[in-house]
Amino acid sequence: MTESRNALDALDRDFLGIRHELLNVAAALDRVDRGGDALRAPDDPRMARIGEAIKVLGESEAGRAERIQMVFSRAYDSNWR
């Protein structure tokens, strides 16, 4: 029961902030859509990554923040300098 209560406490505390951030993302994507076809092209890697991140948000397991960070991260390159 404690884990369930902790989850409810977290949801009670964070719900409005989560709602706010999701609305911000939706509004930004709407602005991109209204901006023309160039950025909506399916081959634009930024839009592809945003789409991948949104899919991760829909998952129901912990660790979403790490997985989203990895979506936007470059692969390790030992010769980057």
C-alpha atoms as a PDB file:
ATOM      1  CA  MET A   1       0.000   0.000   0.000  1.00  0.00           C
ATOM      2  CA  THR A   2       2.923   2.365   0.665  1.00  0.00           C
ATOM      3  CA  GLU A   3       4.200   2.171  -2.925  1.00  0.00           C
ATOM      4  CA  SER A   4       0.699   2.860  -4.209  1.00  0.00           C
ATOM      5  CA  ARG A   5       0.355   5.855  -1.894  1.00  0.00           C
ATOM      6  CA  ASN A   6       3.773   7.179  -2.941  1.00  0.00           C
ATOM      7  CA  ALA A   7       2.732   6.935  -6.586  1.00  0.00           C
ATOM      8  CA  LEU A   8      -0.501   8.786  -5.844  1.00  0.00           C
ATOM      9  CA  ASP A   9       1.402  11.429  -3.878  1.00  0.00           C
ATOM     10  CA  ALA A  10       3.779  11.934  -6.811  1.00  0.00           C
ATOM     11  CA  LEU A  11       0.870  12.201  -9.243  1.00  0.00           C
ATOM     12  CA  ASP A  12      -0.953  14.646  -6.962  1.00  0.00           C
ATOM     13  CA  ARG A  13       2.189  16.755  -6.690  1.00  0.00           C
ATOM     14  CA  ASP A  14       3.257  16.644 -10.339  1.00  0.00           C
ATOM     15  CA  PHE A  15       0.058  16.378 -12.388  1.00  0.00           C
ATOM     16  CA  LEU A  16      -0.363  20.072 -13.203  1.00  0.00           C
ATOM     17  CA  GLY A  17       3.319  20.449 -14.094  1.00  0.00           C
ATOM     18  CA  ILE A  18       3.184  17.398 -16.364  1.00  0.00           C
ATOM     19  CA  ARG A  19       0.042  18.750 -18.012  1.00  0.00           C
ATOM     20  CA  HIS A  20       1.747  22.116 -18.537  1.00  0.00           C
ATOM     21  CA  GLU A  21       4.833  20.590 -20.151  1.00  0.00           C
ATOM     22  CA  LEU A  22       2.791  18.328 -22.441  1.00  0.00           C
ATOM     23  CA  LEU A  23       0.729  21.317 -23.597  1.00  0.00           C
ATOM     24  CA  ASN A  24       3.966  23.224 -24.292  1.00  0.00           C
ATOM     25  CA  VAL A  25       5.259  20.360 -26.437  1.00  0.00           C
ATOM     26  CA  ALA A  26       1.952  20.105 -28.298  1.00  0.00           C
ATOM     27  CA  ALA A  27       1.927  23.865 -28.947  1.00  0.00           C
ATOM     28  CA  ALA A  28       5.513  23.800 -30.232  1.00  0.00           C
ATOM     29  CA  LEU A  29       4.708  20.927 -32.604  1.00  0.00           C
ATOM     30  CA  ASP A  30       1.633  22.823 -33.813  1.00  0.00           C
ATOM     31  CA  ARG A  31       3.862  25.806 -34.605  1.00  0.00           C
ATOM     32  CA  VAL A  32       6.204  23.544 -36.579  1.00  0.00           C
ATOM     33  CA  ASP A  33       3.234  22.121 -38.485  1.00  0.00           C
ATOM     34  CA  ARG A  34       1.994  25.595 -39.356  1.00  0.00           C
ATOM     35  CA  GLY A  35       5.481  26.648 -40.446  1.00  0.00           C
ATOM     36  CA  GLY A  36       5.489  24.722 -43.690  1.00  0.00           C
ATOM     37  CA  ASP A  37       6.495  21.391 -45.141  1.00  0.00           C
ATOM     38  CA  ALA A  38      10.282  21.690 -44.798  1.00  0.00           C
ATOM     39  CA  LEU A  39      10.460  20.635 -41.136  1.00  0.00           C
ATOM     40  CA  ARG A  40       7.627  18.148 -41.328  1.00  0.00           C
ATOM     41  CA  ALA A  41       9.473  16.040 -43.852  1.00  0.00           C
ATOM     42  CA  PRO A  42       9.649  12.466 -42.576  1.00  0.00           C
ATOM     43  CA  ASP A  43      13.376  12.337 -43.239  1.00  0.00           C
ATOM     44  CA  ASP A  44      14.145  15.253 -40.885  1.00  0.00           C
ATOM     45  CA  PRO A  45      16.157  13.576 -38.105  1.00  0.00           C
ATOM     46  CA  ARG A  46      14.996  16.063 -35.470  1.00  0.00           C
ATOM     47  CA  MET A  47      11.340  15.274 -36.061  1.00  0.00           C
ATOM     48  CA  ALA A  48      12.147  11.571 -36.102  1.00  0.00           C
ATOM     49  CA  ARG A  49      13.812  11.878 -32.700  1.00  0.00           C
ATOM     50  CA  ILE A  50      10.906  13.871 -31.307  1.00  0.00           C
ATOM     51  CA  GLY A  51       8.583  11.117 -32.522  1.00  0.00           C
ATOM     52  CA  GLU A  52      10.752   8.458 -30.862  1.00  0.00           C
ATOM     53  CA  ALA A  53      10.733  10.420 -27.601  1.00  0.00           C
ATOM     54  CA  ILE A  54       6.951  10.738 -27.684  1.00  0.00           C
ATOM     55  CA  LYS A  55       6.688   6.966 -28.123  1.00  0.00           C
ATOM     56  CA  VAL A  56       8.873   6.501 -25.041  1.00  0.00           C
ATOM     57  CA  LEU A  57       6.500   8.754 -23.072  1.00  0.00           C
ATOM     58  CA  GLY A  58       3.688   6.353 -23.887  1.00  0.00           C
ATOM     59  CA  GLU A  59       5.503   3.423 -22.307  1.00  0.00           C
ATOM     60  CA  SER A  60       4.446   2.333 -18.844  1.00  0.00           C
ATOM     61  CA  GLU A  61       7.772   1.406 -17.301  1.00  0.00           C
ATOM     62  CA  ALA A  62      10.206   3.483 -15.269  1.00  0.00           C
ATOM     63  CA  GLY A  63      13.329   4.912 -16.856  1.00  0.00           C
ATOM     64  CA  ARG A  64      11.635   7.023 -19.523  1.00  0.00           C
ATOM     65  CA  ALA A  65      13.839  10.050 -18.839  1.00  0.00           C
ATOM     66  CA  GLU A  66      17.005   8.037 -19.465  1.00  0.00           C
ATOM     67  CA  ARG A  67      15.605   6.464 -22.633  1.00  0.00           C
ATOM     68  CA  ILE A  68      14.534   9.865 -23.975  1.00  0.00           C
ATOM     69  CA  GLN A  69      17.970  11.283 -23.198  1.00  0.00           C
ATOM     70  CA  MET A  70      19.485   8.453 -25.216  1.00  0.00           C
ATOM     71  CA  VAL A  71      17.167   9.238 -28.157  1.00  0.00           C
ATOM     72  CA  PHE A  72      18.709  12.718 -28.327  1.00  0.00           C
ATOM     73  CA  SER A  73      22.282  11.640 -27.577  1.00  0.00           C
ATOM     74  CA  ARG A  74      25.005  10.900 -30.059  1.00  0.00           C
ATOM     75  CA  ALA A  75      26.691   7.543 -30.072  1.00  0.00           C
ATOM     76  CA  TYR A  76      29.970   7.448 -28.184  1.00  0.00           C
ATOM     77  CA  ASP A  77      32.953   8.343 -30.341  1.00  0.00           C
ATOM     78  CA  SER A  78      36.350   7.871 -28.707  1.00  0.00           C
ATOM     79  CA  ASN A  79      37.935  10.152 -31.368  1.00  0.00           C
ATOM     80  CA  TRP A  80      35.545  13.083 -30.991  1.00  0.00           C
ATOM     81  CA  ARG A  81      38.323  15.592 -30.374  1.00  0.00           C
END
